[in-house]
Amino acid sequence: MVHRSLIQAKPLEAITVAAWIYLKDTAGSHSVFDTIGMTHSCGQYHFEVDNGAVRWFHRNQTQHTIFSTTAEGAQVRKGE
């Protein structure tokens, strides 16, 4: 695990997330990646598969959702 204070270059406009995901079951929410802030334990950046749909979202330090987007098109299928 890398602590956020050790990351020198902070992204200002965009980031790229790439992952190979293999799920035995797609029902429900499956966290692929998330970060936890210092002001609450609900998490801040989340990359997840939610009922087969890839979702990326961010909550700020006051738990307000800054953005939330779900991939369109083909969903992640179990066992593939």
C-alpha atoms as a PDB file:
ATOM      1  CA  MET A   1       0.000   0.000   0.000  1.00  0.00           C
ATOM      2  CA  VAL A   2       1.271   3.475  -0.874  1.00  0.00           C
ATOM      3  CA  HIS A   3       0.422   6.341   1.455  1.00  0.00           C
ATOM      4  CA  ARG A   4      -0.938   9.385  -0.378  1.00  0.00           C
ATOM      5  CA  SER A   5       1.691  11.707   1.095  1.00  0.00           C
ATOM      6  CA  LEU A   6       4.373   9.693  -0.761  1.00  0.00           C
ATOM      7  CA  ILE A   7       2.842  10.351  -4.197  1.00  0.00           C
ATOM      8  CA  GLN A   8       4.698  13.356  -5.583  1.00  0.00           C
ATOM      9  CA  ALA A   9       2.919  14.071  -8.871  1.00  0.00           C
ATOM     10  CA  LYS A  10      -0.820  14.584  -8.356  1.00  0.00           C
ATOM     11  CA  PRO A  11      -3.098  14.242 -11.423  1.00  0.00           C
ATOM     12  CA  LEU A  12      -4.754  17.531 -12.372  1.00  0.00           C
ATOM     13  CA  GLU A  13      -6.958  16.604 -15.334  1.00  0.00           C
ATOM     14  CA  ALA A  14      -7.260  12.855 -15.783  1.00  0.00           C
ATOM     15  CA  ILE A  15      -6.099   9.419 -14.716  1.00  0.00           C
ATOM     16  CA  THR A  16      -6.122   6.025 -16.379  1.00  0.00           C
ATOM     17  CA  VAL A  17      -7.353   2.915 -14.579  1.00  0.00           C
ATOM     18  CA  ALA A  18      -6.713  -0.471 -16.174  1.00  0.00           C
ATOM     19  CA  ALA A  19      -7.690  -3.779 -14.635  1.00  0.00           C
ATOM     20  CA  TRP A  20      -8.310  -7.378 -15.597  1.00  0.00           C
ATOM     21  CA  ILE A  21     -11.385  -8.438 -13.643  1.00  0.00           C
ATOM     22  CA  TYR A  22     -12.503 -12.029 -13.145  1.00  0.00           C
ATOM     23  CA  LEU A  23     -15.620 -12.455 -11.015  1.00  0.00           C
ATOM     24  CA  LYS A  24     -17.168 -15.722  -9.912  1.00  0.00           C
ATOM     25  CA  ASP A  25     -20.420 -13.812  -9.328  1.00  0.00           C
ATOM     26  CA  THR A  26     -21.534 -10.372 -10.552  1.00  0.00           C
ATOM     27  CA  ALA A  27     -24.555  -9.837  -8.294  1.00  0.00           C
ATOM     28  CA  GLY A  28     -24.082  -6.965  -5.856  1.00  0.00           C
ATOM     29  CA  SER A  29     -21.165  -4.578  -5.499  1.00  0.00           C
ATOM     30  CA  HIS A  30     -17.556  -5.775  -5.924  1.00  0.00           C
ATOM     31  CA  SER A  31     -14.798  -3.325  -5.026  1.00  0.00           C
ATOM     32  CA  VAL A  32     -11.793  -3.418  -7.360  1.00  0.00           C
ATOM     33  CA  PHE A  33     -10.016  -0.368  -5.926  1.00  0.00           C
ATOM     34  CA  ASP A  34     -10.848   2.293  -3.364  1.00  0.00           C
ATOM     35  CA  THR A  35      -9.165   4.888  -1.205  1.00  0.00           C
ATOM     36  CA  ILE A  36     -10.066   5.893   2.329  1.00  0.00           C
ATOM     37  CA  GLY A  37      -9.791   9.522   3.381  1.00  0.00           C
ATOM     38  CA  MET A  38      -8.860  10.896   6.747  1.00  0.00           C
ATOM     39  CA  THR A  39     -12.188  12.589   7.604  1.00  0.00           C
ATOM     40  CA  HIS A  40     -14.550   9.594   7.224  1.00  0.00           C
ATOM     41  CA  SER A  41     -14.400   5.847   6.608  1.00  0.00           C
ATOM     42  CA  CYS A  42     -16.867   5.684   3.693  1.00  0.00           C
ATOM     43  CA  GLY A  43     -14.126   5.804   1.094  1.00  0.00           C
ATOM     44  CA  GLN A  44     -13.313   8.477  -1.427  1.00  0.00           C
ATOM     45  CA  TYR A  45     -12.272   7.084  -4.826  1.00  0.00           C
ATOM     46  CA  HIS A  46     -14.049   3.876  -5.814  1.00  0.00           C
ATOM     47  CA  PHE A  47     -13.621   1.621  -8.848  1.00  0.00           C
ATOM     48  CA  GLU A  48     -16.122  -1.234  -8.643  1.00  0.00           C
ATOM     49  CA  VAL A  49     -18.337  -3.658 -10.498  1.00  0.00           C
ATOM     50  CA  ASP A  50     -21.940  -3.089  -9.449  1.00  0.00           C
ATOM     51  CA  ASN A  51     -24.282  -5.837 -10.691  1.00  0.00           C
ATOM     52  CA  GLY A  52     -22.017  -6.356 -13.710  1.00  0.00           C
ATOM     53  CA  ALA A  53     -21.581  -2.656 -14.584  1.00  0.00           C
ATOM     54  CA  VAL A  54     -18.202  -0.967 -14.071  1.00  0.00           C
ATOM     55  CA  ARG A  55     -18.577   2.126 -11.883  1.00  0.00           C
ATOM     56  CA  TRP A  56     -16.067   4.877 -10.976  1.00  0.00           C
ATOM     57  CA  PHE A  57     -16.924   7.558  -8.420  1.00  0.00           C
ATOM     58  CA  HIS A  58     -15.471   9.957  -5.877  1.00  0.00           C
ATOM     59  CA  ARG A  59     -16.678  11.388  -2.557  1.00  0.00           C
ATOM     60  CA  ASN A  60     -14.939  14.382  -1.027  1.00  0.00           C
ATOM     61  CA  GLN A  61     -13.935  14.844   2.613  1.00  0.00           C
ATOM     62  CA  THR A  62     -17.519  15.797   3.550  1.00  0.00           C
ATOM     63  CA  GLN A  63     -18.946  12.651   1.865  1.00  0.00           C
ATOM     64  CA  HIS A  64     -20.443  14.681  -1.020  1.00  0.00           C
ATOM     65  CA  THR A  65     -20.334  12.794  -4.344  1.00  0.00           C
ATOM     66  CA  ILE A  66     -18.112  14.751  -6.751  1.00  0.00           C
ATOM     67  CA  PHE A  67     -18.629  12.452  -9.737  1.00  0.00           C
ATOM     68  CA  SER A  68     -20.130   9.073 -10.500  1.00  0.00           C
ATOM     69  CA  THR A  69     -20.003   7.349 -13.866  1.00  0.00           C
ATOM     70  CA  THR A  70     -20.987   3.883 -15.018  1.00  0.00           C
ATOM     71  CA  ALA A  71     -19.577   2.298 -18.176  1.00  0.00           C
ATOM     72  CA  GLU A  72     -22.013   1.852 -21.022  1.00  0.00           C
ATOM     73  CA  GLY A  73     -22.185  -1.205 -23.245  1.00  0.00           C
ATOM     74  CA  ALA A  74     -21.177  -4.744 -22.358  1.00  0.00           C
ATOM     75  CA  GLN A  75     -21.134  -5.653 -18.712  1.00  0.00           C
ATOM     76  CA  VAL A  76     -18.601  -7.752 -16.809  1.00  0.00           C
ATOM     77  CA  ARG A  77     -19.868 -11.337 -16.931  1.00  0.00           C
ATOM     78  CA  LYS A  78     -19.230 -13.903 -14.239  1.00  0.00           C
ATOM     79  CA  GLY A  79     -16.635 -16.568 -15.016  1.00  0.00           C
ATOM     80  CA  GLU A  80     -15.083 -14.701 -17.966  1.00  0.00           C
END
